[in-house]
Amino acid sequence: GELNMRAMSLVYTTLLAIVPLLAVSFSVLKGFGYHN
């Protein structure tokens, strides 16, 4: 059950962090003209 528990924990954190993470990536790509 340890791997399952850690995967579940990462799901919760991913839901919280996916928009900020992509926002940072979006900013980087926008600086190089690849944000689309």
PDB file of all heavy atoms in Angstrom:
ATOM      1  N   GLY A   1       0.783  -1.235   0.000  1.00  0.00           N
ATOM      2  CA  GLY A   1       0.000   0.000   0.000  1.00  0.00           C
ATOM      3  C   GLY A   1       0.809   1.277   0.000  1.00  0.00           C
ATOM      4  O   GLY A   1       0.240   2.365  -0.180  1.00  0.00           O
ATOM      5  N   GLU A   2       2.129   1.197   0.133  1.00  0.00           N
ATOM      6  CA  GLU A   2       2.939   2.411   0.218  1.00  0.00           C
ATOM      7  C   GLU A   2       2.976   3.153  -1.116  1.00  0.00           C
ATOM      8  O   GLU A   2       2.809   4.374  -1.167  1.00  0.00           O
ATOM      9  CB  GLU A   2       4.359   2.054   0.659  1.00  0.00           C
ATOM     10  CG  GLU A   2       5.249   3.246   0.957  1.00  0.00           C
ATOM     11  CD  GLU A   2       4.816   4.024   2.181  1.00  0.00           C
ATOM     12  OE1 GLU A   2       4.235   3.415   3.094  1.00  0.00           O
ATOM     13  OE2 GLU A   2       5.055   5.243   2.218  1.00  0.00           O
ATOM     14  N   LEU A   3       3.196   2.426  -2.212  1.00  0.00           N
ATOM     15  CA  LEU A   3       3.224   3.075  -3.523  1.00  0.00           C
ATOM     16  C   LEU A   3       1.867   3.681  -3.856  1.00  0.00           C
ATOM     17  O   LEU A   3       1.784   4.787  -4.411  1.00  0.00           O
ATOM     18  CB  LEU A   3       3.634   2.068  -4.603  1.00  0.00           C
ATOM     19  CG  LEU A   3       5.088   1.598  -4.603  1.00  0.00           C
ATOM     20  CD1 LEU A   3       5.329   0.614  -5.737  1.00  0.00           C
ATOM     21  CD2 LEU A   3       6.052   2.764  -4.713  1.00  0.00           C
ATOM     22  N   ASN A   4       0.789   2.965  -3.519  1.00  0.00           N
ATOM     23  CA  ASN A   4      -0.553   3.487  -3.787  1.00  0.00           C
ATOM     24  C   ASN A   4      -0.807   4.772  -3.002  1.00  0.00           C
ATOM     25  O   ASN A   4      -1.374   5.737  -3.536  1.00  0.00           O
ATOM     26  CB  ASN A   4      -1.603   2.437  -3.406  1.00  0.00           C
ATOM     27  CG  ASN A   4      -1.446   1.157  -4.205  1.00  0.00           C
ATOM     28  OD1 ASN A   4      -1.891   1.062  -5.323  1.00  0.00           O
ATOM     29  ND2 ASN A   4      -0.797   0.177  -3.608  1.00  0.00           N
ATOM     30  N   MET A   5      -0.387   4.782  -1.737  1.00  0.00           N
ATOM     31  CA  MET A   5      -0.608   5.959  -0.904  1.00  0.00           C
ATOM     32  C   MET A   5       0.164   7.160  -1.436  1.00  0.00           C
ATOM     33  O   MET A   5      -0.355   8.285  -1.476  1.00  0.00           O
ATOM     34  CB  MET A   5      -0.193   5.661   0.536  1.00  0.00           C
ATOM     35  CG  MET A   5      -0.459   6.804   1.505  1.00  0.00           C
ATOM     36  SD  MET A   5       0.063   6.419   3.182  1.00  0.00           S
ATOM     37  CE  MET A   5       1.856   6.350   2.966  1.00  0.00           C
ATOM     38  N   ARG A   6       1.398   6.943  -1.867  1.00  0.00           N
ATOM     39  CA  ARG A   6       2.196   8.048  -2.387  1.00  0.00           C
ATOM     40  C   ARG A   6       1.643   8.543  -3.722  1.00  0.00           C
ATOM     41  O   ARG A   6       1.679   9.740  -4.022  1.00  0.00           O
ATOM     42  CB  ARG A   6       3.655   7.622  -2.517  1.00  0.00           C
ATOM     43  CG  ARG A   6       4.311   7.370  -1.162  1.00  0.00           C
ATOM     44  CD  ARG A   6       5.777   6.990  -1.259  1.00  0.00           C
ATOM     45  NE  ARG A   6       6.315   6.753   0.077  1.00  0.00           N
ATOM     46  CZ  ARG A   6       6.797   7.693   0.878  1.00  0.00           C
ATOM     47  NH1 ARG A   6       6.805   8.952   0.468  1.00  0.00           N
ATOM     48  NH2 ARG A   6       7.274   7.396   2.069  1.00  0.00           N
ATOM     49  N   ALA A   7       1.131   7.633  -4.542  1.00  0.00           N
ATOM     50  CA  ALA A   7       0.516   8.053  -5.800  1.00  0.00           C
ATOM     51  C   ALA A   7      -0.724   8.905  -5.527  1.00  0.00           C
ATOM     52  O   ALA A   7      -0.945   9.924  -6.194  1.00  0.00           O
ATOM     53  CB  ALA A   7       0.151   6.830  -6.638  1.00  0.00           C
ATOM     54  N   MET A   8      -1.530   8.502  -4.537  1.00  0.00           N
ATOM     55  CA  MET A   8      -2.711   9.298  -4.183  1.00  0.00           C
ATOM     56  C   MET A   8      -2.320  10.681  -3.668  1.00  0.00           C
ATOM     57  O   MET A   8      -2.960  11.684  -3.991  1.00  0.00           O
ATOM     58  CB  MET A   8      -3.523   8.556  -3.115  1.00  0.00           C
ATOM     59  CG  MET A   8      -4.175   7.287  -3.601  1.00  0.00           C
ATOM     60  SD  MET A   8      -5.036   6.422  -2.266  1.00  0.00           S
ATOM     61  CE  MET A   8      -5.537   4.918  -3.112  1.00  0.00           C
ATOM     62  N   SER A   9      -1.254  10.733  -2.869  1.00  0.00           N
ATOM     63  CA  SER A   9      -0.788  12.011  -2.357  1.00  0.00           C
ATOM     64  C   SER A   9      -0.336  12.930  -3.494  1.00  0.00           C
ATOM     65  O   SER A   9      -0.605  14.135  -3.492  1.00  0.00           O
ATOM     66  CB  SER A   9       0.358  11.786  -1.362  1.00  0.00           C
ATOM     67  OG  SER A   9       0.944  13.006  -0.964  1.00  0.00           O
ATOM     68  N   LEU A  10       0.319  12.349  -4.490  1.00  0.00           N
ATOM     69  CA  LEU A  10       0.786  13.142  -5.627  1.00  0.00           C
ATOM     70  C   LEU A  10      -0.380  13.631  -6.486  1.00  0.00           C
ATOM     71  O   LEU A  10      -0.292  14.702  -7.099  1.00  0.00           O
ATOM     72  CB  LEU A  10       1.759  12.311  -6.467  1.00  0.00           C
ATOM     73  CG  LEU A  10       3.132  12.073  -5.818  1.00  0.00           C
ATOM     74  CD1 LEU A  10       3.942  11.067  -6.622  1.00  0.00           C
ATOM     75  CD2 LEU A  10       3.903  13.375  -5.687  1.00  0.00           C
ATOM     76  N   VAL A  11      -1.467  12.858  -6.535  1.00  0.00           N
ATOM     77  CA  VAL A  11      -2.650  13.305  -7.268  1.00  0.00           C
ATOM     78  C   VAL A  11      -3.199  14.581  -6.642  1.00  0.00           C
ATOM     79  O   VAL A  11      -3.493  15.567  -7.338  1.00  0.00           O
ATOM     80  CB  VAL A  11      -3.732  12.201  -7.266  1.00  0.00           C
ATOM     81  CG1 VAL A  11      -5.060  12.764  -7.778  1.00  0.00           C
ATOM     82  CG2 VAL A  11      -3.286  11.041  -8.135  1.00  0.00           C
ATOM     83  N   TYR A  12      -3.328  14.588  -5.329  1.00  0.00           N
ATOM     84  CA  TYR A  12      -3.858  15.763  -4.626  1.00  0.00           C
ATOM     85  C   TYR A  12      -2.957  16.979  -4.857  1.00  0.00           C
ATOM     86  O   TYR A  12      -3.432  18.075  -5.169  1.00  0.00           O
ATOM     87  CB  TYR A  12      -3.956  15.455  -3.131  1.00  0.00           C
ATOM     88  CG  TYR A  12      -4.310  16.645  -2.275  1.00  0.00           C
ATOM     89  CD1 TYR A  12      -5.605  17.168  -2.259  1.00  0.00           C
ATOM     90  CD2 TYR A  12      -3.344  17.261  -1.479  1.00  0.00           C
ATOM     91  CE1 TYR A  12      -5.922  18.266  -1.476  1.00  0.00           C
ATOM     92  CE2 TYR A  12      -3.661  18.371  -0.694  1.00  0.00           C
ATOM     93  CZ  TYR A  12      -4.950  18.860  -0.701  1.00  0.00           C
ATOM     94  OH  TYR A  12      -5.252  19.951   0.070  1.00  0.00           O
ATOM     95  N   THR A  13      -1.651  16.785  -4.738  1.00  0.00           N
ATOM     96  CA  THR A  13      -0.726  17.901  -4.931  1.00  0.00           C
ATOM     97  C   THR A  13      -0.726  18.374  -6.379  1.00  0.00           C
ATOM     98  O   THR A  13      -0.596  19.571  -6.655  1.00  0.00           O
ATOM     99  CB  THR A  13       0.693  17.483  -4.518  1.00  0.00           C
ATOM    100  OG1 THR A  13       0.660  16.875  -3.228  1.00  0.00           O
ATOM    101  CG2 THR A  13       1.621  18.681  -4.469  1.00  0.00           C
ATOM    102  N   THR A  14      -0.878  17.431  -7.310  1.00  0.00           N
ATOM    103  CA  THR A  14      -0.911  17.797  -8.730  1.00  0.00           C
ATOM    104  C   THR A  14      -2.101  18.682  -9.039  1.00  0.00           C
ATOM    105  O   THR A  14      -1.992  19.659  -9.799  1.00  0.00           O
ATOM    106  CB  THR A  14      -0.954  16.534  -9.606  1.00  0.00           C
ATOM    107  OG1 THR A  14       0.185  15.711  -9.319  1.00  0.00           O
ATOM    108  CG2 THR A  14      -0.933  16.907 -11.081  1.00  0.00           C
ATOM    109  N   LEU A  15      -3.256  18.352  -8.460  1.00  0.00           N
ATOM    110  CA  LEU A  15      -4.454  19.162  -8.691  1.00  0.00           C
ATOM    111  C   LEU A  15      -4.252  20.602  -8.215  1.00  0.00           C
ATOM    112  O   LEU A  15      -4.752  21.552  -8.832  1.00  0.00           O
ATOM    113  CB  LEU A  15      -5.662  18.536  -7.981  1.00  0.00           C
ATOM    114  CG  LEU A  15      -6.166  17.216  -8.558  1.00  0.00           C
ATOM    115  CD1 LEU A  15      -7.270  16.644  -7.682  1.00  0.00           C
ATOM    116  CD2 LEU A  15      -6.668  17.405  -9.988  1.00  0.00           C
ATOM    117  N   LEU A  16      -3.502  20.759  -7.111  1.00  0.00           N
ATOM    118  CA  LEU A  16      -3.243  22.100  -6.598  1.00  0.00           C
ATOM    119  C   LEU A  16      -2.178  22.834  -7.410  1.00  0.00           C
ATOM    120  O   LEU A  16      -2.234  24.059  -7.562  1.00  0.00           O
ATOM    121  CB  LEU A  16      -2.796  22.018  -5.133  1.00  0.00           C
ATOM    122  CG  LEU A  16      -3.831  21.560  -4.104  1.00  0.00           C
ATOM    123  CD1 LEU A  16      -3.200  21.473  -2.727  1.00  0.00           C
ATOM    124  CD2 LEU A  16      -5.025  22.499  -4.077  1.00  0.00           C
ATOM    125  N   ALA A  17      -1.214  22.082  -7.927  1.00  0.00           N
ATOM    126  CA  ALA A  17      -0.025  22.720  -8.512  1.00  0.00           C
ATOM    127  C   ALA A  17      -0.027  22.759 -10.028  1.00  0.00           C
ATOM    128  O   ALA A  17       0.840  23.412 -10.618  1.00  0.00           O
ATOM    129  CB  ALA A  17       1.239  22.002  -8.027  1.00  0.00           C
ATOM    130  N   ILE A  18      -0.962  22.067 -10.678  1.00  0.00           N
ATOM    131  CA  ILE A  18      -0.862  21.961 -12.137  1.00  0.00           C
ATOM    132  C   ILE A  18      -1.006  23.327 -12.820  1.00  0.00           C
ATOM    133  O   ILE A  18      -0.272  23.638 -13.767  1.00  0.00           O
ATOM    134  CB  ILE A  18      -1.909  20.956 -12.681  1.00  0.00           C
ATOM    135  CG1 ILE A  18      -1.673  20.732 -14.170  1.00  0.00           C
ATOM    136  CG2 ILE A  18      -3.339  21.428 -12.407  1.00  0.00           C
ATOM    137  CD1 ILE A  18      -2.468  19.577 -14.728  1.00  0.00           C
ATOM    138  N   VAL A  19      -1.927  24.166 -12.336  1.00  0.00           N
ATOM    139  CA  VAL A  19      -2.093  25.486 -12.959  1.00  0.00           C
ATOM    140  C   VAL A  19      -0.875  26.376 -12.695  1.00  0.00           C
ATOM    141  O   VAL A  19      -0.338  26.987 -13.643  1.00  0.00           O
ATOM    142  CB  VAL A  19      -3.394  26.149 -12.476  1.00  0.00           C
ATOM    143  CG1 VAL A  19      -3.459  27.600 -12.939  1.00  0.00           C
ATOM    144  CG2 VAL A  19      -4.598  25.372 -13.007  1.00  0.00           C
ATOM    145  N   PRO A  20      -0.379  26.504 -11.448  1.00  0.00           N
ATOM    146  CA  PRO A  20       0.848  27.289 -11.247  1.00  0.00           C
ATOM    147  C   PRO A  20       2.038  26.759 -12.028  1.00  0.00           C
ATOM    148  O   PRO A  20       2.834  27.534 -12.579  1.00  0.00           O
ATOM    149  CB  PRO A  20       1.084  27.173  -9.729  1.00  0.00           C
ATOM    150  CG  PRO A  20      -0.260  26.904  -9.150  1.00  0.00           C
ATOM    151  CD  PRO A  20      -0.969  26.075 -10.157  1.00  0.00           C
ATOM    152  N   LEU A  21       2.170  25.421 -12.087  1.00  0.00           N
ATOM    153  CA  LEU A  21       3.291  24.841 -12.818  1.00  0.00           C
ATOM    154  C   LEU A  21       3.218  25.195 -14.293  1.00  0.00           C
ATOM    155  O   LEU A  21       4.212  25.614 -14.903  1.00  0.00           O
ATOM    156  CB  LEU A  21       3.293  23.318 -12.627  1.00  0.00           C
ATOM    157  CG  LEU A  21       4.395  22.537 -13.350  1.00  0.00           C
ATOM    158  CD1 LEU A  21       5.762  22.953 -12.825  1.00  0.00           C
ATOM    159  CD2 LEU A  21       4.185  21.047 -13.176  1.00  0.00           C
ATOM    160  N   LEU A  22       2.052  25.038 -14.875  1.00  0.00           N
ATOM    161  CA  LEU A  22       1.887  25.371 -16.286  1.00  0.00           C
ATOM    162  C   LEU A  22       1.990  26.879 -16.520  1.00  0.00           C
ATOM    163  O   LEU A  22       2.413  27.313 -17.596  1.00  0.00           O
ATOM    164  CB  LEU A  22       0.551  24.850 -16.799  1.00  0.00           C
ATOM    165  CG  LEU A  22       0.423  23.324 -16.881  1.00  0.00           C
ATOM    166  CD1 LEU A  22      -0.975  22.925 -17.316  1.00  0.00           C
ATOM    167  CD2 LEU A  22       1.461  22.745 -17.831  1.00  0.00           C
ATOM    168  N   ALA A  23       1.605  27.669 -15.508  1.00  0.00           N
ATOM    169  CA  ALA A  23       1.730  29.126 -15.644  1.00  0.00           C
ATOM    170  C   ALA A  23       3.195  29.530 -15.750  1.00  0.00           C
ATOM    171  O   ALA A  23       3.564  30.397 -16.559  1.00  0.00           O
ATOM    172  CB  ALA A  23       1.070  29.815 -14.453  1.00  0.00           C
ATOM    173  N   VAL A  24       4.037  28.900 -14.934  1.00  0.00           N
ATOM    174  CA  VAL A  24       5.470  29.173 -15.019  1.00  0.00           C
ATOM    175  C   VAL A  24       6.016  28.738 -16.374  1.00  0.00           C
ATOM    176  O   VAL A  24       6.774  29.466 -17.038  1.00  0.00           O
ATOM    177  CB  VAL A  24       6.212  28.463 -13.869  1.00  0.00           C
ATOM    178  CG1 VAL A  24       7.727  28.635 -14.021  1.00  0.00           C
ATOM    179  CG2 VAL A  24       5.766  29.013 -12.518  1.00  0.00           C
ATOM    180  N   SER A  25       5.623  27.533 -16.807  1.00  0.00           N
ATOM    181  CA  SER A  25       6.070  27.046 -18.110  1.00  0.00           C
ATOM    182  C   SER A  25       5.554  27.941 -19.232  1.00  0.00           C
ATOM    183  O   SER A  25       6.274  28.223 -20.197  1.00  0.00           O
ATOM    184  CB  SER A  25       5.582  25.606 -18.327  1.00  0.00           C
ATOM    185  OG  SER A  25       6.067  24.751 -17.317  1.00  0.00           O
ATOM    186  N   PHE A  26       4.309  28.391 -19.100  1.00  0.00           N
ATOM    187  CA  PHE A  26       3.711  29.280 -20.090  1.00  0.00           C
ATOM    188  C   PHE A  26       4.511  30.577 -20.202  1.00  0.00           C
ATOM    189  O   PHE A  26       4.758  31.080 -21.306  1.00  0.00           O
ATOM    190  CB  PHE A  26       2.261  29.577 -19.697  1.00  0.00           C
ATOM    191  CG  PHE A  26       1.510  30.395 -20.704  1.00  0.00           C
ATOM    192  CD1 PHE A  26       0.901  29.792 -21.797  1.00  0.00           C
ATOM    193  CD2 PHE A  26       1.402  31.772 -20.563  1.00  0.00           C
ATOM    194  CE1 PHE A  26       0.201  30.545 -22.717  1.00  0.00           C
ATOM    195  CE2 PHE A  26       0.706  32.528 -21.480  1.00  0.00           C
ATOM    196  CZ  PHE A  26       0.104  31.918 -22.567  1.00  0.00           C
ATOM    197  N   SER A  27       4.939  31.114 -19.054  1.00  0.00           N
ATOM    198  CA  SER A  27       5.722  32.355 -19.062  1.00  0.00           C
ATOM    199  C   SER A  27       7.061  32.157 -19.761  1.00  0.00           C
ATOM    200  O   SER A  27       7.516  33.025 -20.515  1.00  0.00           O
ATOM    201  CB  SER A  27       5.937  32.827 -17.619  1.00  0.00           C
ATOM    202  OG  SER A  27       4.702  33.063 -16.978  1.00  0.00           O
ATOM    203  N   VAL A  28       7.688  31.003 -19.500  1.00  0.00           N
ATOM    204  CA  VAL A  28       8.984  30.719 -20.137  1.00  0.00           C
ATOM    205  C   VAL A  28       8.800  30.590 -21.652  1.00  0.00           C
ATOM    206  O   VAL A  28       9.555  31.182 -22.446  1.00  0.00           O
ATOM    207  CB  VAL A  28       9.592  29.435 -19.547  1.00  0.00           C
ATOM    208  CG1 VAL A  28      10.864  29.054 -20.302  1.00  0.00           C
ATOM    209  CG2 VAL A  28       9.889  29.623 -18.068  1.00  0.00           C
ATOM    210  N   LEU A  29       7.797  29.815 -22.054  1.00  0.00           N
ATOM    211  CA  LEU A  29       7.573  29.606 -23.485  1.00  0.00           C
ATOM    212  C   LEU A  29       7.165  30.898 -24.186  1.00  0.00           C
ATOM    213  O   LEU A  29       7.514  31.137 -25.346  1.00  0.00           O
ATOM    214  CB  LEU A  29       6.493  28.539 -23.691  1.00  0.00           C
ATOM    215  CG  LEU A  29       6.847  27.131 -23.205  1.00  0.00           C
ATOM    216  CD1 LEU A  29       5.665  26.197 -23.381  1.00  0.00           C
ATOM    217  CD2 LEU A  29       8.056  26.593 -23.951  1.00  0.00           C
ATOM    218  N   LYS A  30       6.436  31.745 -23.467  1.00  0.00           N
ATOM    219  CA  LYS A  30       6.005  33.013 -24.051  1.00  0.00           C
ATOM    220  C   LYS A  30       7.196  33.911 -24.352  1.00  0.00           C
ATOM    221  O   LYS A  30       7.209  34.648 -25.345  1.00  0.00           O
ATOM    222  CB  LYS A  30       5.040  33.715 -23.103  1.00  0.00           C
ATOM    223  CG  LYS A  30       4.311  34.900 -23.723  1.00  0.00           C
ATOM    224  CD  LYS A  30       3.224  35.435 -22.799  1.00  0.00           C
ATOM    225  CE  LYS A  30       2.440  36.565 -23.468  1.00  0.00           C
ATOM    226  NZ  LYS A  30       1.369  37.076 -22.577  1.00  0.00           N
ATOM    227  N   GLY A  31       8.206  33.831 -23.481  1.00  0.00           N
ATOM    228  CA  GLY A  31       9.410  34.625 -23.711  1.00  0.00           C
ATOM    229  C   GLY A  31      10.147  34.223 -24.973  1.00  0.00           C
ATOM    230  O   GLY A  31      10.855  35.038 -25.577  1.00  0.00           O
ATOM    231  N   PHE A  32       9.968  32.958 -25.416  1.00  0.00           N
ATOM    232  CA  PHE A  32      10.635  32.482 -26.622  1.00  0.00           C
ATOM    233  C   PHE A  32       9.660  32.375 -27.799  1.00  0.00           C
ATOM    234  O   PHE A  32      10.026  31.891 -28.866  1.00  0.00           O
ATOM    235  CB  PHE A  32      11.264  31.105 -26.361  1.00  0.00           C
ATOM    236  CG  PHE A  32      12.459  31.151 -25.463  1.00  0.00           C
ATOM    237  CD1 PHE A  32      12.319  31.075 -24.084  1.00  0.00           C
ATOM    238  CD2 PHE A  32      13.744  31.274 -25.990  1.00  0.00           C
ATOM    239  CE1 PHE A  32      13.418  31.117 -23.250  1.00  0.00           C
ATOM    240  CE2 PHE A  32      14.847  31.318 -25.164  1.00  0.00           C
ATOM    241  CZ  PHE A  32      14.695  31.247 -23.787  1.00  0.00           C
ATOM    242  N   GLY A  33       8.425  32.809 -27.570  1.00  0.00           N
ATOM    243  CA  GLY A  33       7.449  32.790 -28.655  1.00  0.00           C
ATOM    244  C   GLY A  33       6.827  31.443 -28.929  1.00  0.00           C
ATOM    245  O   GLY A  33       6.266  31.226 -30.010  1.00  0.00           O
ATOM    246  N   TYR A  34       6.905  30.503 -27.969  1.00  0.00           N
ATOM    247  CA  TYR A  34       6.366  29.158 -28.179  1.00  0.00           C
ATOM    248  C   TYR A  34       5.187  28.854 -27.254  1.00  0.00           C
ATOM    249  O   TYR A  34       4.815  27.700 -27.071  1.00  0.00           O
ATOM    250  CB  TYR A  34       7.451  28.106 -27.935  1.00  0.00           C
ATOM    251  CG  TYR A  34       8.540  28.081 -28.989  1.00  0.00           C
ATOM    252  CD1 TYR A  34       9.825  28.531 -28.691  1.00  0.00           C
ATOM    253  CD2 TYR A  34       8.280  27.604 -30.263  1.00  0.00           C
ATOM    254  CE1 TYR A  34      10.824  28.513 -29.652  1.00  0.00           C
ATOM    255  CE2 TYR A  34       9.273  27.582 -31.231  1.00  0.00           C
ATOM    256  CZ  TYR A  34      10.547  28.035 -30.921  1.00  0.00           C
ATOM    257  OH  TYR A  34      11.521  28.015 -31.869  1.00  0.00           O
ATOM    258  N   HIS A  35       4.581  29.882 -26.685  1.00  0.00           N
ATOM    259  CA  HIS A  35       3.532  29.628 -25.703  1.00  0.00           C
ATOM    260  C   HIS A  35       2.297  28.964 -26.316  1.00  0.00           C
ATOM    261  O   HIS A  35       1.533  28.312 -25.610  1.00  0.00           O
ATOM    262  CB  HIS A  35       3.123  30.944 -25.021  1.00  0.00           C
ATOM    263  CG  HIS A  35       2.716  32.020 -25.962  1.00  0.00           C
ATOM    264  ND1 HIS A  35       3.634  32.713 -26.722  1.00  0.00           N
ATOM    265  CD2 HIS A  35       1.488  32.523 -26.276  1.00  0.00           C
ATOM    266  CE1 HIS A  35       2.990  33.612 -27.470  1.00  0.00           C
ATOM    267  NE2 HIS A  35       1.686  33.511 -27.211  1.00  0.00           N
ATOM    268  N   ASN A  36       2.106  29.126 -27.618  1.00  0.00           N
ATOM    269  CA  ASN A  36       0.962  28.500 -28.266  1.00  0.00           C
ATOM    270  C   ASN A  36       1.108  26.986 -28.392  1.00  0.00           C
ATOM    271  O   ASN A  36       0.154  26.292 -28.774  1.00  0.00           O
ATOM    272  CB  ASN A  36       0.747  29.101 -29.659  1.00  0.00           C
ATOM    273  CG  ASN A  36       0.313  30.564 -29.585  1.00  0.00           C
ATOM    274  OD1 ASN A  36      -0.383  30.966 -28.652  1.00  0.00           O
ATOM    275  ND2 ASN A  36       0.738  31.363 -30.546  1.00  0.00           N
TER     276      ASN A  36
END
